[in-house]
Amino acid sequence: MSTSWSRPGAPARIISGTAFGQPYERVCPDTPPPLEDAKVGLLTLVVTVLVGAPIGLLWAGFAPRVDVVVMGEDVNLTQAYGDAFIAADAFFLAAVLVAGLVGGLIAWRFGAAHGPAVVVALTVGGLAAAFVAMTVGEQVGLETLRAAVRAGGQGAFQLNLELKADAALLGWPLASLVAYLSASSLPRGR
């Protein structure tokens, strides 16, 4: 049993020799150099995290907003409960699932030959990217509201909602891994 990693269908090399007076041949997979594997993993991590900010902006742009009324230093919701709170979480989950699926397929297409660092980078990078998306999305329009409160203004504003379902952050790395592993299980053409 070999302990080295190789993707399915990867090229292999044949090692032959003699052991205890008997000839043998053993097929060993060609493994990527560890430094090359680490470079591709780091690149996957960085690109995944950088995609988080645009996904956060998309979430802020498409998710429903809530109406708030500013009266001096008080900010009050016009509706205490509503579908907007659930819909904002659903929009976020949908955005990170799509980003994760696309990222997992791209990582498989370009990084499958490099080793397990790509899978680790998809997991860690996906979680970090989802956090970045949440943080960026929650900040959109918030400074306008803060400026109105500081100025003692009055009036109605629309505000992006905060993500309440923290478990939605797991959507990105899970979708990335599902896409990567699903694509890895498909037979590759020669």
C-alpha atoms as a PDB file:
ATOM      1  CA  MET A   1       0.000   0.000   0.000  1.00  0.00           C
ATOM      2  CA  SER A   2       1.393   3.352  -0.991  1.00  0.00           C
ATOM      3  CA  THR A   3       1.187   6.284   1.401  1.00  0.00           C
ATOM      4  CA  SER A   4       1.818   8.904  -1.260  1.00  0.00           C
ATOM      5  CA  TRP A   5      -1.078  10.852  -2.736  1.00  0.00           C
ATOM      6  CA  SER A   6      -2.088  10.727  -6.363  1.00  0.00           C
ATOM      7  CA  ARG A   7      -5.220  11.745  -8.154  1.00  0.00           C
ATOM      8  CA  PRO A   8      -7.178   9.019  -9.928  1.00  0.00           C
ATOM      9  CA  GLY A   9      -5.854   8.400 -13.414  1.00  0.00           C
ATOM     10  CA  ALA A  10      -2.552  10.131 -12.639  1.00  0.00           C
ATOM     11  CA  PRO A  11       0.561   9.000 -14.489  1.00  0.00           C
ATOM     12  CA  ALA A  12       2.567   6.339 -12.736  1.00  0.00           C
ATOM     13  CA  ARG A  13       6.108   5.021 -12.819  1.00  0.00           C
ATOM     14  CA  ILE A  14       7.178   1.404 -12.566  1.00  0.00           C
ATOM     15  CA  ILE A  15       9.832   0.392 -10.094  1.00  0.00           C
ATOM     16  CA  SER A  16      11.428  -3.003 -10.588  1.00  0.00           C
ATOM     17  CA  GLY A  17      14.073  -4.916  -8.745  1.00  0.00           C
ATOM     18  CA  THR A  18      14.679  -8.074  -6.783  1.00  0.00           C
ATOM     19  CA  ALA A  19      13.715  -8.937  -3.256  1.00  0.00           C
ATOM     20  CA  PHE A  20      14.618 -12.195  -1.544  1.00  0.00           C
ATOM     21  CA  GLY A  21      15.961 -13.446  -4.850  1.00  0.00           C
ATOM     22  CA  GLN A  22      12.670 -12.865  -6.682  1.00  0.00           C
ATOM     23  CA  PRO A  23      12.087 -10.178  -9.325  1.00  0.00           C
ATOM     24  CA  TYR A  24       9.260  -7.744  -8.750  1.00  0.00           C
ATOM     25  CA  GLU A  25       7.614  -4.761 -10.325  1.00  0.00           C
ATOM     26  CA  ARG A  26       5.668  -2.145  -8.455  1.00  0.00           C
ATOM     27  CA  VAL A  27       3.568   0.681  -9.873  1.00  0.00           C
ATOM     28  CA  CYS A  28       4.103   3.928  -7.949  1.00  0.00           C
ATOM     29  CA  PRO A  29       2.141   7.099  -8.619  1.00  0.00           C
ATOM     30  CA  ASP A  30       4.013  10.208  -9.643  1.00  0.00           C
ATOM     31  CA  THR A  31       3.455  12.634  -6.803  1.00  0.00           C
ATOM     32  CA  PRO A  32       3.771  16.390  -7.072  1.00  0.00           C
ATOM     33  CA  PRO A  33       6.720  17.974  -5.271  1.00  0.00           C
ATOM     34  CA  PRO A  34       5.622  19.210  -1.825  1.00  0.00           C
ATOM     35  CA  LEU A  35       6.709  22.779  -2.555  1.00  0.00           C
ATOM     36  CA  GLU A  36       4.680  22.888  -5.761  1.00  0.00           C
ATOM     37  CA  ASP A  37       1.690  21.448  -3.890  1.00  0.00           C
ATOM     38  CA  ALA A  38       2.038  24.143  -1.209  1.00  0.00           C
ATOM     39  CA  LYS A  39       2.256  26.926  -3.830  1.00  0.00           C
ATOM     40  CA  VAL A  40      -0.903  25.792  -5.587  1.00  0.00           C
ATOM     41  CA  GLY A  41      -2.660  25.413  -2.235  1.00  0.00           C
ATOM     42  CA  LEU A  42      -1.650  28.939  -1.208  1.00  0.00           C
ATOM     43  CA  LEU A  43      -2.801  30.342  -4.551  1.00  0.00           C
ATOM     44  CA  THR A  44      -6.146  28.558  -4.144  1.00  0.00           C
ATOM     45  CA  LEU A  45      -6.514  29.973  -0.630  1.00  0.00           C
ATOM     46  CA  VAL A  46      -5.721  33.559  -1.669  1.00  0.00           C
ATOM     47  CA  VAL A  47      -7.999  33.545  -4.727  1.00  0.00           C
ATOM     48  CA  THR A  48     -10.858  32.014  -2.736  1.00  0.00           C
ATOM     49  CA  VAL A  49     -10.600  34.625   0.020  1.00  0.00           C
ATOM     50  CA  LEU A  50     -10.390  37.484  -2.504  1.00  0.00           C
ATOM     51  CA  VAL A  51     -13.649  36.361  -4.106  1.00  0.00           C
ATOM     52  CA  GLY A  52     -15.401  36.838  -0.744  1.00  0.00           C
ATOM     53  CA  ALA A  53     -15.709  40.635  -1.032  1.00  0.00           C
ATOM     54  CA  PRO A  54     -17.514  40.660  -4.401  1.00  0.00           C
ATOM     55  CA  ILE A  55     -19.859  37.939  -3.159  1.00  0.00           C
ATOM     56  CA  GLY A  56     -20.620  40.101  -0.117  1.00  0.00           C
ATOM     57  CA  LEU A  57     -21.439  43.037  -2.392  1.00  0.00           C
ATOM     58  CA  LEU A  58     -23.706  40.822  -4.496  1.00  0.00           C
ATOM     59  CA  TRP A  59     -25.460  39.633  -1.350  1.00  0.00           C
ATOM     60  CA  ALA A  60     -25.973  43.225  -0.209  1.00  0.00           C
ATOM     61  CA  GLY A  61     -27.285  44.184  -3.626  1.00  0.00           C
ATOM     62  CA  PHE A  62     -29.840  41.390  -3.990  1.00  0.00           C
ATOM     63  CA  ALA A  63     -30.895  40.611  -0.421  1.00  0.00           C
ATOM     64  CA  PRO A  64     -34.010  42.312   0.891  1.00  0.00           C
ATOM     65  CA  ARG A  65     -33.544  45.352   3.103  1.00  0.00           C
ATOM     66  CA  VAL A  66     -35.368  46.436   6.195  1.00  0.00           C
ATOM     67  CA  ASP A  67     -36.929  49.865   6.718  1.00  0.00           C
ATOM     68  CA  VAL A  68     -35.673  51.812   9.725  1.00  0.00           C
ATOM     69  CA  VAL A  69     -36.714  55.168  11.119  1.00  0.00           C
ATOM     70  CA  VAL A  70     -34.085  57.508  12.535  1.00  0.00           C
ATOM     71  CA  MET A  71     -35.210  59.994  15.156  1.00  0.00           C
ATOM     72  CA  GLY A  72     -32.231  61.773  16.661  1.00  0.00           C
ATOM     73  CA  GLU A  73     -30.001  59.077  18.104  1.00  0.00           C
ATOM     74  CA  ASP A  74     -32.678  56.373  18.033  1.00  0.00           C
ATOM     75  CA  VAL A  75     -32.907  53.862  15.190  1.00  0.00           C
ATOM     76  CA  ASN A  76     -36.087  51.772  15.140  1.00  0.00           C
ATOM     77  CA  LEU A  77     -37.263  49.030  12.837  1.00  0.00           C
ATOM     78  CA  THR A  78     -40.586  49.671  11.149  1.00  0.00           C
ATOM     79  CA  GLN A  79     -41.385  45.938  11.345  1.00  0.00           C
ATOM     80  CA  ALA A  80     -40.128  43.934  14.285  1.00  0.00           C
ATOM     81  CA  TYR A  81     -40.564  40.624  12.484  1.00  0.00           C
ATOM     82  CA  GLY A  82     -40.755  39.874   8.830  1.00  0.00           C
ATOM     83  CA  ASP A  83     -39.756  37.644   5.984  1.00  0.00           C
ATOM     84  CA  ALA A  84     -36.832  39.925   5.158  1.00  0.00           C
ATOM     85  CA  PHE A  85     -34.799  38.501   8.037  1.00  0.00           C
ATOM     86  CA  ILE A  86     -35.147  34.944   6.754  1.00  0.00           C
ATOM     87  CA  ALA A  87     -34.736  35.968   3.120  1.00  0.00           C
ATOM     88  CA  ALA A  88     -31.453  37.787   3.832  1.00  0.00           C
ATOM     89  CA  ASP A  89     -29.985  34.616   5.308  1.00  0.00           C
ATOM     90  CA  ALA A  90     -31.322  32.568   2.386  1.00  0.00           C
ATOM     91  CA  PHE A  91     -29.804  34.979  -0.151  1.00  0.00           C
ATOM     92  CA  PHE A  92     -26.462  34.761   1.632  1.00  0.00           C
ATOM     93  CA  LEU A  93     -26.576  30.963   1.691  1.00  0.00           C
ATOM     94  CA  ALA A  94     -27.456  30.843  -2.001  1.00  0.00           C
ATOM     95  CA  ALA A  95     -24.607  33.226  -2.882  1.00  0.00           C
ATOM     96  CA  VAL A  96     -21.968  31.278  -0.954  1.00  0.00           C
ATOM     97  CA  LEU A  97     -23.230  27.917  -2.240  1.00  0.00           C
ATOM     98  CA  VAL A  98     -22.929  29.050  -5.853  1.00  0.00           C
ATOM     99  CA  ALA A  99     -19.498  30.592  -5.195  1.00  0.00           C
ATOM    100  CA  GLY A 100     -18.362  27.403  -3.472  1.00  0.00           C
ATOM    101  CA  LEU A 101     -19.574  25.143  -6.280  1.00  0.00           C
ATOM    102  CA  VAL A 102     -17.902  27.255  -8.942  1.00  0.00           C
ATOM    103  CA  GLY A 103     -14.690  27.549  -6.901  1.00  0.00           C
ATOM    104  CA  GLY A 104     -14.577  23.803  -6.269  1.00  0.00           C
ATOM    105  CA  LEU A 105     -14.965  23.014  -9.969  1.00  0.00           C
ATOM    106  CA  ILE A 106     -12.309  25.547 -10.965  1.00  0.00           C
ATOM    107  CA  ALA A 107      -9.923  24.200  -8.319  1.00  0.00           C
ATOM    108  CA  TRP A 108     -10.507  20.660  -9.568  1.00  0.00           C
ATOM    109  CA  ARG A 109      -9.933  21.694 -13.175  1.00  0.00           C
ATOM    110  CA  PHE A 110      -6.671  23.491 -12.553  1.00  0.00           C
ATOM    111  CA  GLY A 111      -5.384  22.040  -9.283  1.00  0.00           C
ATOM    112  CA  ALA A 112      -6.382  18.377  -9.172  1.00  0.00           C
ATOM    113  CA  ALA A 113      -2.916  17.195 -10.175  1.00  0.00           C
ATOM    114  CA  HIS A 114      -1.207  19.051  -7.356  1.00  0.00           C
ATOM    115  CA  GLY A 115      -2.232  17.272  -4.195  1.00  0.00           C
ATOM    116  CA  PRO A 116      -4.156  17.616  -0.971  1.00  0.00           C
ATOM    117  CA  ALA A 117      -3.127  21.231  -0.296  1.00  0.00           C
ATOM    118  CA  VAL A 118      -5.792  22.346  -2.777  1.00  0.00           C
ATOM    119  CA  VAL A 119      -8.510  20.584  -0.763  1.00  0.00           C
ATOM    120  CA  VAL A 120      -7.276  22.090   2.502  1.00  0.00           C
ATOM    121  CA  ALA A 121      -7.114  25.527   0.860  1.00  0.00           C
ATOM    122  CA  LEU A 122     -10.680  25.163  -0.436  1.00  0.00           C
ATOM    123  CA  THR A 123     -11.891  24.374   3.062  1.00  0.00           C
ATOM    124  CA  VAL A 124     -10.010  27.092   4.950  1.00  0.00           C
ATOM    125  CA  GLY A 125     -10.326  29.640   2.140  1.00  0.00           C
ATOM    126  CA  GLY A 126     -14.042  28.965   1.749  1.00  0.00           C
ATOM    127  CA  LEU A 127     -14.694  29.587   5.417  1.00  0.00           C
ATOM    128  CA  ALA A 128     -12.596  32.767   5.375  1.00  0.00           C
ATOM    129  CA  ALA A 129     -14.247  33.955   2.143  1.00  0.00           C
ATOM    130  CA  ALA A 130     -17.719  33.429   3.605  1.00  0.00           C
ATOM    131  CA  PHE A 131     -16.704  35.494   6.632  1.00  0.00           C
ATOM    132  CA  VAL A 132     -15.360  38.241   4.355  1.00  0.00           C
ATOM    133  CA  ALA A 133     -18.586  38.162   2.315  1.00  0.00           C
ATOM    134  CA  MET A 134     -20.667  38.487   5.481  1.00  0.00           C
ATOM    135  CA  THR A 135     -18.564  41.364   6.811  1.00  0.00           C
ATOM    136  CA  VAL A 136     -18.549  43.296   3.530  1.00  0.00           C
ATOM    137  CA  GLY A 137     -22.256  42.726   2.899  1.00  0.00           C
ATOM    138  CA  GLU A 138     -23.262  43.909   6.353  1.00  0.00           C
ATOM    139  CA  GLN A 139     -21.299  47.164   5.957  1.00  0.00           C
ATOM    140  CA  VAL A 140     -23.032  48.311   2.775  1.00  0.00           C
ATOM    141  CA  GLY A 141     -25.157  51.378   3.589  1.00  0.00           C
ATOM    142  CA  LEU A 142     -24.271  51.325   7.272  1.00  0.00           C
ATOM    143  CA  GLU A 143     -22.096  54.451   7.128  1.00  0.00           C
ATOM    144  CA  THR A 144     -24.968  56.503   5.682  1.00  0.00           C
ATOM    145  CA  LEU A 145     -27.145  55.493   8.608  1.00  0.00           C
ATOM    146  CA  ARG A 146     -24.375  56.268  11.106  1.00  0.00           C
ATOM    147  CA  ALA A 147     -23.860  59.709   9.547  1.00  0.00           C
ATOM    148  CA  ALA A 148     -27.579  60.440   9.851  1.00  0.00           C
ATOM    149  CA  VAL A 149     -27.561  59.414  13.513  1.00  0.00           C
ATOM    150  CA  ARG A 150     -24.458  61.532  14.224  1.00  0.00           C
ATOM    151  CA  ALA A 151     -26.055  64.535  12.536  1.00  0.00           C
ATOM    152  CA  GLY A 152     -29.228  64.057  14.566  1.00  0.00           C
ATOM    153  CA  GLY A 153     -31.263  63.634  11.400  1.00  0.00           C
ATOM    154  CA  GLN A 154     -34.712  62.222  11.098  1.00  0.00           C
ATOM    155  CA  GLY A 155     -36.311  60.120   8.423  1.00  0.00           C
ATOM    156  CA  ALA A 156     -36.718  56.694   6.924  1.00  0.00           C
ATOM    157  CA  PHE A 157     -33.804  54.628   5.625  1.00  0.00           C
ATOM    158  CA  GLN A 158     -33.311  51.176   4.181  1.00  0.00           C
ATOM    159  CA  LEU A 159     -30.657  49.054   5.787  1.00  0.00           C
ATOM    160  CA  ASN A 160     -29.043  45.749   4.880  1.00  0.00           C
ATOM    161  CA  LEU A 161     -29.620  43.046   7.421  1.00  0.00           C
ATOM    162  CA  GLU A 162     -27.025  41.206   9.434  1.00  0.00           C
ATOM    163  CA  LEU A 163     -26.546  37.509   8.877  1.00  0.00           C
ATOM    164  CA  LYS A 164     -28.356  35.760  11.701  1.00  0.00           C
ATOM    165  CA  ALA A 165     -27.796  32.158  10.599  1.00  0.00           C
ATOM    166  CA  ASP A 166     -24.076  31.788  11.319  1.00  0.00           C
ATOM    167  CA  ALA A 167     -24.212  28.206  10.055  1.00  0.00           C
ATOM    168  CA  ALA A 168     -24.605  29.657   6.544  1.00  0.00           C
ATOM    169  CA  LEU A 169     -20.877  30.444   6.678  1.00  0.00           C
ATOM    170  CA  LEU A 170     -20.258  26.707   6.247  1.00  0.00           C
ATOM    171  CA  GLY A 171     -22.041  26.730   2.890  1.00  0.00           C
ATOM    172  CA  TRP A 172     -19.004  27.924   0.941  1.00  0.00           C
ATOM    173  CA  PRO A 173     -16.453  25.336   2.085  1.00  0.00           C
ATOM    174  CA  LEU A 174     -18.982  22.497   1.978  1.00  0.00           C
ATOM    175  CA  ALA A 175     -20.095  23.378  -1.555  1.00  0.00           C
ATOM    176  CA  SER A 176     -16.451  23.650  -2.653  1.00  0.00           C
ATOM    177  CA  LEU A 177     -15.637  20.223  -1.289  1.00  0.00           C
ATOM    178  CA  VAL A 178     -18.758  18.623  -2.770  1.00  0.00           C
ATOM    179  CA  ALA A 179     -17.978  20.084  -6.206  1.00  0.00           C
ATOM    180  CA  TYR A 180     -14.303  19.102  -6.024  1.00  0.00           C
ATOM    181  CA  LEU A 181     -14.983  15.555  -4.834  1.00  0.00           C
ATOM    182  CA  SER A 182     -17.843  15.053  -7.303  1.00  0.00           C
ATOM    183  CA  ALA A 183     -15.669  16.183 -10.183  1.00  0.00           C
ATOM    184  CA  SER A 184     -12.806  13.983  -8.952  1.00  0.00           C
ATOM    185  CA  SER A 185     -15.027  10.911  -9.039  1.00  0.00           C
ATOM    186  CA  LEU A 186     -15.853  11.366 -12.721  1.00  0.00           C
ATOM    187  CA  PRO A 187     -13.749   9.379 -15.181  1.00  0.00           C
ATOM    188  CA  ARG A 188     -11.197  11.475 -17.015  1.00  0.00           C
ATOM    189  CA  GLY A 189     -10.764  11.200 -20.737  1.00  0.00           C
ATOM    190  CA  ARG A 190      -7.317  10.210 -21.934  1.00  0.00           C
END
